[in-house]
C-alpha atoms as a PDB file:
ATOM      1  CA  UNK A   1     176.062  33.586 162.566  1.00  0.00           C
ATOM      2  CA  UNK A   2     172.063  33.642 160.826  1.00  0.00           C
ATOM      3  CA  UNK A   3     171.257  37.227 160.946  1.00  0.00           C
ATOM      4  CA  UNK A   4     167.551  37.571 161.120  1.00  0.00           C
ATOM      5  CA  UNK A   5     165.046  40.308 160.554  1.00  0.00           C
ATOM      6  CA  UNK A   6     161.259  39.392 162.461  1.00  0.00           C
ATOM      7  CA  UNK A   7     158.640  41.032 161.197  1.00  0.00           C
ATOM      8  CA  UNK A   8     155.019  41.524 162.026  1.00  0.00           C
ATOM      9  CA  UNK A   9     152.127  43.396 163.177  1.00  0.00           C
ATOM     10  CA  UNK A  10     150.980  42.009 166.211  1.00  0.00           C
ATOM     11  CA  UNK A  11     153.111  42.959 168.928  1.00  0.00           C
ATOM     12  CA  UNK A  12     152.670  39.307 170.459  1.00  0.00           C
ATOM     13  CA  UNK A  13     154.190  37.794 168.123  1.00  0.00           C
ATOM     14  CA  UNK A  14     157.127  40.597 167.028  1.00  0.00           C
ATOM     15  CA  UNK A  15     158.762  40.425 170.694  1.00  0.00           C
ATOM     16  CA  UNK A  16     157.915  36.482 171.420  1.00  0.00           C
ATOM     17  CA  UNK A  17     159.652  35.450 167.654  1.00  0.00           C
ATOM     18  CA  UNK A  18     161.613  38.036 168.166  1.00  0.00           C
ATOM     19  CA  UNK A  19     162.935  37.149 172.232  1.00  0.00           C
ATOM     20  CA  UNK A  20     163.186  32.791 171.492  1.00  0.00           C
ATOM     21  CA  UNK A  21     165.466  33.573 168.113  1.00  0.00           C
ATOM     22  CA  UNK A  22     167.295  35.965 169.796  1.00  0.00           C
ATOM     23  CA  UNK A  23     168.124  33.151 172.522  1.00  0.00           C
ATOM     24  CA  UNK A  24     169.944  30.424 169.960  1.00  0.00           C
ATOM     25  CA  UNK A  25     173.458  30.510 169.896  1.00  0.00           C
ATOM     26  CA  UNK A  26     173.477  30.850 166.769  1.00  0.00           C
ATOM     27  CA  UNK A  27     171.276  33.514 165.920  1.00  0.00           C
ATOM     28  CA  UNK A  28     171.737  37.116 165.964  1.00  0.00           C
ATOM     29  CA  UNK A  29     168.197  38.953 165.929  1.00  0.00           C
ATOM     30  CA  UNK A  30     169.329  42.477 163.247  1.00  0.00           C
ATOM     31  CA  UNK A  31     166.104  43.988 163.099  1.00  0.00           C
ATOM     32  CA  UNK A  32     162.519  43.827 163.990  1.00  0.00           C
ATOM     33  CA  UNK A  33     159.987  45.842 162.499  1.00  0.00           C
ATOM     34  CA  UNK A  34     156.037  46.233 162.471  1.00  0.00           C
ATOM     35  CA  UNK A  35     154.289  46.692 158.812  1.00  0.00           C
ATOM     36  CA  UNK A  36     156.353  46.208 155.711  1.00  0.00           C
ATOM     37  CA  UNK A  37     157.413  49.843 154.810  1.00  0.00           C
ATOM     38  CA  UNK A  38     159.856  49.839 157.920  1.00  0.00           C
ATOM     39  CA  UNK A  39     160.820  45.565 157.077  1.00  0.00           C
ATOM     40  CA  UNK A  40     162.395  46.838 153.886  1.00  0.00           C
ATOM     41  CA  UNK A  41     164.153  48.973 154.968  1.00  0.00           C
ATOM     42  CA  UNK A  42     165.494  47.309 157.320  1.00  0.00           C
ATOM     43  CA  UNK A  43     166.503  44.226 155.363  1.00  0.00           C
ATOM     44  CA  UNK A  44     168.787  46.981 153.208  1.00  0.00           C
ATOM     45  CA  UNK A  45     170.339  48.516 156.224  1.00  0.00           C
ATOM     46  CA  UNK A  46     170.911  45.380 157.333  1.00  0.00           C
ATOM     47  CA  UNK A  47     171.006  42.698 155.250  1.00  0.00           C
ATOM     48  CA  UNK A  48     170.086  39.662 156.799  1.00  0.00           C
ATOM     49  CA  UNK A  49     169.921  35.909 155.756  1.00  0.00           C
ATOM     50  CA  UNK A  50     166.451  35.372 156.128  1.00  0.00           C
ATOM     51  CA  UNK A  51     163.209  36.763 156.701  1.00  0.00           C
ATOM     52  CA  UNK A  52     160.359  36.052 159.046  1.00  0.00           C
ATOM     53  CA  UNK A  53     157.896  38.098 157.376  1.00  0.00           C
ATOM     54  CA  UNK A  54     154.104  38.390 158.881  1.00  0.00           C
ATOM     55  CA  UNK A  55     152.150  37.747 155.819  1.00  0.00           C
ATOM     56  CA  UNK A  56     149.442  39.980 156.299  1.00  0.00           C
ATOM     57  CA  UNK A  57     151.557  44.003 157.591  1.00  0.00           C
ATOM     58  CA  UNK A  58     150.308  47.374 157.446  1.00  0.00           C
ATOM     59  CA  UNK A  59     151.930  49.846 154.680  1.00  0.00           C
ATOM     60  CA  UNK A  60     153.133  46.800 152.465  1.00  0.00           C
ATOM     61  CA  UNK A  61     151.294  43.749 152.782  1.00  0.00           C
ATOM     62  CA  UNK A  62     153.835  40.859 153.932  1.00  0.00           C
ATOM     63  CA  UNK A  63     154.625  38.697 149.537  1.00  0.00           C
ATOM     64  CA  UNK A  64     155.070  42.883 148.776  1.00  0.00           C
ATOM     65  CA  UNK A  65     157.794  41.913 151.055  1.00  0.00           C
ATOM     66  CA  UNK A  66     159.033  39.658 150.623  1.00  0.00           C
ATOM     67  CA  UNK A  67     159.676  39.457 146.761  1.00  0.00           C
ATOM     68  CA  UNK A  68     161.974  43.295 147.655  1.00  0.00           C
ATOM     69  CA  UNK A  69     164.145  41.060 149.613  1.00  0.00           C
ATOM     70  CA  UNK A  70     164.688  38.358 147.584  1.00  0.00           C
ATOM     71  CA  UNK A  71     165.710  40.660 144.557  1.00  0.00           C
ATOM     72  CA  UNK A  72     168.046  41.679 147.639  1.00  0.00           C
ATOM     73  CA  UNK A  73     169.390  38.110 148.239  1.00  0.00           C
ATOM     74  CA  UNK A  74     167.290  37.165 151.889  1.00  0.00           C
ATOM     75  CA  UNK A  75     165.586  34.908 151.664  1.00  0.00           C
ATOM     76  CA  UNK A  76     162.279  35.085 152.834  1.00  0.00           C
ATOM     77  CA  UNK A  77     160.007  33.036 155.471  1.00  0.00           C
ATOM     78  CA  UNK A  78     156.551  33.475 155.596  1.00  0.00           C
ATOM     79  CA  UNK A  79     153.873  33.631 159.145  1.00  0.00           C
ATOM     80  CA  UNK A  80     151.278  33.313 158.574  1.00  0.00           C
ATOM     81  CA  UNK A  81     147.785  32.431 161.173  1.00  0.00           C
ATOM     82  CA  UNK A  82     145.646  29.815 159.306  1.00  0.00           C
ATOM     83  CA  UNK A  83     146.970  27.198 157.296  1.00  0.00           C
ATOM     84  CA  UNK A  84     144.875  27.699 154.406  1.00  0.00           C
ATOM     85  CA  UNK A  85     145.686  31.577 154.342  1.00  0.00           C
ATOM     86  CA  UNK A  86     144.690  31.783 150.234  1.00  0.00           C
ATOM     87  CA  UNK A  87     148.221  34.797 150.537  1.00  0.00           C
ATOM     88  CA  UNK A  88     150.979  32.137 151.308  1.00  0.00           C
ATOM     89  CA  UNK A  89     150.929  30.102 147.837  1.00  0.00           C
ATOM     90  CA  UNK A  90     150.833  34.143 146.238  1.00  0.00           C
ATOM     91  CA  UNK A  91     154.205  34.274 148.601  1.00  0.00           C
ATOM     92  CA  UNK A  92     155.534  31.181 147.729  1.00  0.00           C
ATOM     93  CA  UNK A  93     155.447  32.588 144.102  1.00  0.00           C
ATOM     94  CA  UNK A  94     156.665  36.375 145.206  1.00  0.00           C
ATOM     95  CA  UNK A  95     160.422  33.963 146.393  1.00  0.00           C
ATOM     96  CA  UNK A  96     159.364  32.566 149.336  1.00  0.00           C
ATOM     97  CA  UNK A  97     161.703  29.709 150.781  1.00  0.00           C
ATOM     98  CA  UNK A  98     158.860  28.284 152.638  1.00  0.00           C
ATOM     99  CA  UNK A  99     155.836  29.476 155.555  1.00  0.00           C
ATOM    100  CA  UNK A 100     155.605  28.914 159.645  1.00  0.00           C
ATOM    101  CA  UNK A 101     152.297  28.756 161.184  1.00  0.00           C
ATOM    102  CA  UNK A 102     152.341  31.597 163.999  1.00  0.00           C
ATOM    103  CA  UNK A 103     151.287  28.329 167.507  1.00  0.00           C
ATOM    104  CA  UNK A 104     155.519  26.937 166.122  1.00  0.00           C
ATOM    105  CA  UNK A 105     156.866  26.120 168.771  1.00  0.00           C
ATOM    106  CA  UNK A 106     159.983  27.969 170.191  1.00  0.00           C
ATOM    107  CA  UNK A 107     162.507  25.141 168.673  1.00  0.00           C
ATOM    108  CA  UNK A 108     160.510  24.434 165.834  1.00  0.00           C
ATOM    109  CA  UNK A 109     161.020  27.722 165.355  1.00  0.00           C
ATOM    110  CA  UNK A 110     164.786  28.453 165.317  1.00  0.00           C
ATOM    111  CA  UNK A 111     164.553  24.786 163.721  1.00  0.00           C
ATOM    112  CA  UNK A 112     163.496  26.447 159.997  1.00  0.00           C
ATOM    113  CA  UNK A 113     165.147  29.593 159.979  1.00  0.00           C
ATOM    114  CA  UNK A 114     167.965  27.358 160.645  1.00  0.00           C
ATOM    115  CA  UNK A 115     166.647  24.718 157.831  1.00  0.00           C
ATOM    116  CA  UNK A 116     165.842  27.714 155.035  1.00  0.00           C
ATOM    117  CA  UNK A 117     169.442  29.613 155.875  1.00  0.00           C
ATOM    118  CA  UNK A 118     171.269  26.559 154.513  1.00  0.00           C
ATOM    119  CA  UNK A 119     169.801  27.040 151.175  1.00  0.00           C
ATOM    120  CA  UNK A 120     166.093  24.120 151.899  1.00  0.00           C
ATOM    121  CA  UNK A 121     162.979  24.986 151.313  1.00  0.00           C
ATOM    122  CA  UNK A 122     161.146  24.050 154.945  1.00  0.00           C
ATOM    123  CA  UNK A 123     158.142  21.439 151.997  1.00  0.00           C
ATOM    124  CA  UNK A 124     158.107  19.134 154.784  1.00  0.00           C
ATOM    125  CA  UNK A 125     154.717  20.128 157.219  1.00  0.00           C
ATOM    126  CA  UNK A 126     151.874  18.798 155.013  1.00  0.00           C
ATOM    127  CA  UNK A 127     149.612  22.119 155.842  1.00  0.00           C
ATOM    128  CA  UNK A 128     152.700  23.369 152.654  1.00  0.00           C
ATOM    129  CA  UNK A 129     151.644  21.399 150.213  1.00  0.00           C
ATOM    130  CA  UNK A 130     147.672  20.809 150.859  1.00  0.00           C
ATOM    131  CA  UNK A 131     147.870  24.440 150.158  1.00  0.00           C
ATOM    132  CA  UNK A 132     149.902  24.101 146.731  1.00  0.00           C
ATOM    133  CA  UNK A 133     147.410  21.820 145.661  1.00  0.00           C
ATOM    134  CA  UNK A 134     144.613  23.710 146.129  1.00  0.00           C
ATOM    135  CA  UNK A 135     145.388  26.533 145.104  1.00  0.00           C
ATOM    136  CA  UNK A 136     147.210  26.321 142.041  1.00  0.00           C
ATOM    137  CA  UNK A 137     145.656  24.923 138.581  1.00  0.00           C
ATOM    138  CA  UNK A 138     147.230  22.720 137.551  1.00  0.00           C
ATOM    139  CA  UNK A 139     148.409  23.694 134.095  1.00  0.00           C
ATOM    140  CA  UNK A 140     149.951  21.369 131.639  1.00  0.00           C
ATOM    141  CA  UNK A 141     152.974  22.465 131.246  1.00  0.00           C
ATOM    142  CA  UNK A 142     157.060  21.981 130.262  1.00  0.00           C
ATOM    143  CA  UNK A 143     158.288  19.182 132.978  1.00  0.00           C
ATOM    144  CA  UNK A 144     157.313  16.265 130.912  1.00  0.00           C
ATOM    145  CA  UNK A 145     158.659  17.268 127.629  1.00  0.00           C
ATOM    146  CA  UNK A 146     162.369  18.922 128.938  1.00  0.00           C
ATOM    147  CA  UNK A 147     163.047  16.323 131.509  1.00  0.00           C
ATOM    148  CA  UNK A 148     165.193  13.269 131.749  1.00  0.00           C
ATOM    149  CA  UNK A 149     163.058  10.999 133.057  1.00  0.00           C
ATOM    150  CA  UNK A 150     166.177   9.990 136.270  1.00  0.00           C
ATOM    151  CA  UNK A 151     164.985  14.071 136.425  1.00  0.00           C
ATOM    152  CA  UNK A 152     160.656  13.473 136.547  1.00  0.00           C
ATOM    153  CA  UNK A 153     161.142  11.566 139.624  1.00  0.00           C
ATOM    154  CA  UNK A 154     163.694  13.414 141.389  1.00  0.00           C
ATOM    155  CA  UNK A 155     161.480  16.739 140.914  1.00  0.00           C
ATOM    156  CA  UNK A 156     158.121  14.289 142.040  1.00  0.00           C
ATOM    157  CA  UNK A 157     160.289  13.007 145.199  1.00  0.00           C
ATOM    158  CA  UNK A 158     160.941  16.772 145.855  1.00  0.00           C
ATOM    159  CA  UNK A 159     157.362  17.181 145.942  1.00  0.00           C
ATOM    160  CA  UNK A 160     156.257  14.623 148.048  1.00  0.00           C
ATOM    161  CA  UNK A 161     158.234  16.409 150.626  1.00  0.00           C
ATOM    162  CA  UNK A 162     162.035  14.176 150.598  1.00  0.00           C
ATOM    163  CA  UNK A 163     165.420  15.628 151.439  1.00  0.00           C
ATOM    164  CA  UNK A 164     169.030  15.046 148.639  1.00  0.00           C
ATOM    165  CA  UNK A 165     170.186  12.345 151.034  1.00  0.00           C
ATOM    166  CA  UNK A 166     166.650  10.579 151.807  1.00  0.00           C
ATOM    167  CA  UNK A 167     165.936  11.049 147.751  1.00  0.00           C
ATOM    168  CA  UNK A 168     169.706   9.282 147.267  1.00  0.00           C
ATOM    169  CA  UNK A 169     168.301   6.205 149.499  1.00  0.00           C
ATOM    170  CA  UNK A 170     165.254   6.297 147.198  1.00  0.00           C
ATOM    171  CA  UNK A 171     167.079   5.718 144.241  1.00  0.00           C
ATOM    172  CA  UNK A 172     169.699   4.318 145.574  1.00  0.00           C
ATOM    173  CA  UNK A 173     172.688   6.862 143.783  1.00  0.00           C
ATOM    174  CA  UNK A 174     174.782   9.379 145.412  1.00  0.00           C
ATOM    175  CA  UNK A 175     173.501  12.379 147.452  1.00  0.00           C
ATOM    176  CA  UNK A 176     176.215  14.285 145.103  1.00  0.00           C
ATOM    177  CA  UNK A 177     174.656  12.551 141.809  1.00  0.00           C
ATOM    178  CA  UNK A 178     170.683  13.790 142.793  1.00  0.00           C
ATOM    179  CA  UNK A 179     172.264  17.053 143.461  1.00  0.00           C
ATOM    180  CA  UNK A 180     173.196  17.521 140.158  1.00  0.00           C
ATOM    181  CA  UNK A 181     169.727  15.739 138.883  1.00  0.00           C
ATOM    182  CA  UNK A 182     168.400  19.166 140.892  1.00  0.00           C
ATOM    183  CA  UNK A 183     170.224  21.738 139.747  1.00  0.00           C
ATOM    184  CA  UNK A 184     170.043  20.874 136.483  1.00  0.00           C
ATOM    185  CA  UNK A 185     165.515  20.488 136.286  1.00  0.00           C
ATOM    186  CA  UNK A 186     166.102  23.751 137.914  1.00  0.00           C
ATOM    187  CA  UNK A 187     167.627  25.660 135.111  1.00  0.00           C
ATOM    188  CA  UNK A 188     165.491  23.203 132.581  1.00  0.00           C
ATOM    189  CA  UNK A 189     162.573  24.311 134.007  1.00  0.00           C
ATOM    190  CA  UNK A 190     163.726  28.698 134.908  1.00  0.00           C
ATOM    191  CA  UNK A 191     163.291  27.701 138.733  1.00  0.00           C
ATOM    192  CA  UNK A 192     164.430  29.886 140.834  1.00  0.00           C
ATOM    193  CA  UNK A 193     165.345  26.473 144.276  1.00  0.00           C
ATOM    194  CA  UNK A 194     162.857  23.653 145.065  1.00  0.00           C
ATOM    195  CA  UNK A 195     160.088  25.639 146.367  1.00  0.00           C
ATOM    196  CA  UNK A 196     159.200  26.972 143.135  1.00  0.00           C
ATOM    197  CA  UNK A 197     160.331  22.933 141.850  1.00  0.00           C
ATOM    198  CA  UNK A 198     156.778  21.694 144.206  1.00  0.00           C
ATOM    199  CA  UNK A 199     154.679  24.349 142.986  1.00  0.00           C
ATOM    200  CA  UNK A 200     155.885  23.736 139.242  1.00  0.00           C
ATOM    201  CA  UNK A 201     155.346  19.773 140.304  1.00  0.00           C
ATOM    202  CA  UNK A 202     151.600  20.236 141.424  1.00  0.00           C
ATOM    203  CA  UNK A 203     150.880  23.128 138.543  1.00  0.00           C
ATOM    204  CA  UNK A 204     151.952  20.135 135.523  1.00  0.00           C
ATOM    205  CA  UNK A 205     149.606  17.297 137.102  1.00  0.00           C
ATOM    206  CA  UNK A 206     153.222  15.427 137.982  1.00  0.00           C
ATOM    207  CA  UNK A 207     152.445  15.769 141.182  1.00  0.00           C
ATOM    208  CA  UNK A 208     148.823  15.243 142.685  1.00  0.00           C
ATOM    209  CA  UNK A 209     147.517  16.262 146.048  1.00  0.00           C
ATOM    210  CA  UNK A 210     145.466  13.258 147.526  1.00  0.00           C
ATOM    211  CA  UNK A 211     146.083  11.045 144.885  1.00  0.00           C
ATOM    212  CA  UNK A 212     148.705   8.860 142.964  1.00  0.00           C
ATOM    213  CA  UNK A 213     150.811  10.368 140.995  1.00  0.00           C
ATOM    214  CA  UNK A 214     150.896  10.838 136.485  1.00  0.00           C
ATOM    215  CA  UNK A 215     151.795   7.392 135.795  1.00  0.00           C
END
């Protein structure tokens, strides 16, 4: 069972998301919080696998909650009303595994929780890539000097939202080889996960939103 904590200060959203997730055979909702402080307390008490967090909450905002729960080993999945919420990029830097819009369909909500629970970042929606591109300065940094050409190629494909199996097909290698490349590039760049790898790719200019990647 995937243990989930839901936190949102809008009662209708909180009840709705809780009901949808509780109805899934493989998901157990272990807590529902209406503010950030309560969310952190419940995370300490229940140790959920995934915390579904509203970004804008009273007492403690979702970004600070994300930092607190990821330190416990809980994966944070952010909820926002707007697809270009300026706080989302900050949340990703704080360790969140991705974000959802509040108008998400029920089946997509449950599947998003499963994706994050198994350790993948929720990067496929085009809005995520657009937001990351909008709020990064594309600093030229370490990727070009630290990574091998193949690792740089893998990082570019991660930033485009491809899964390990899709990257393997693209490069005509095994999925195990891709996993090895991913682990090495994360280690070399000092990154926590695929979400931070995507941010790094945009920040360093390895990938450019809406344009061609550097040669």
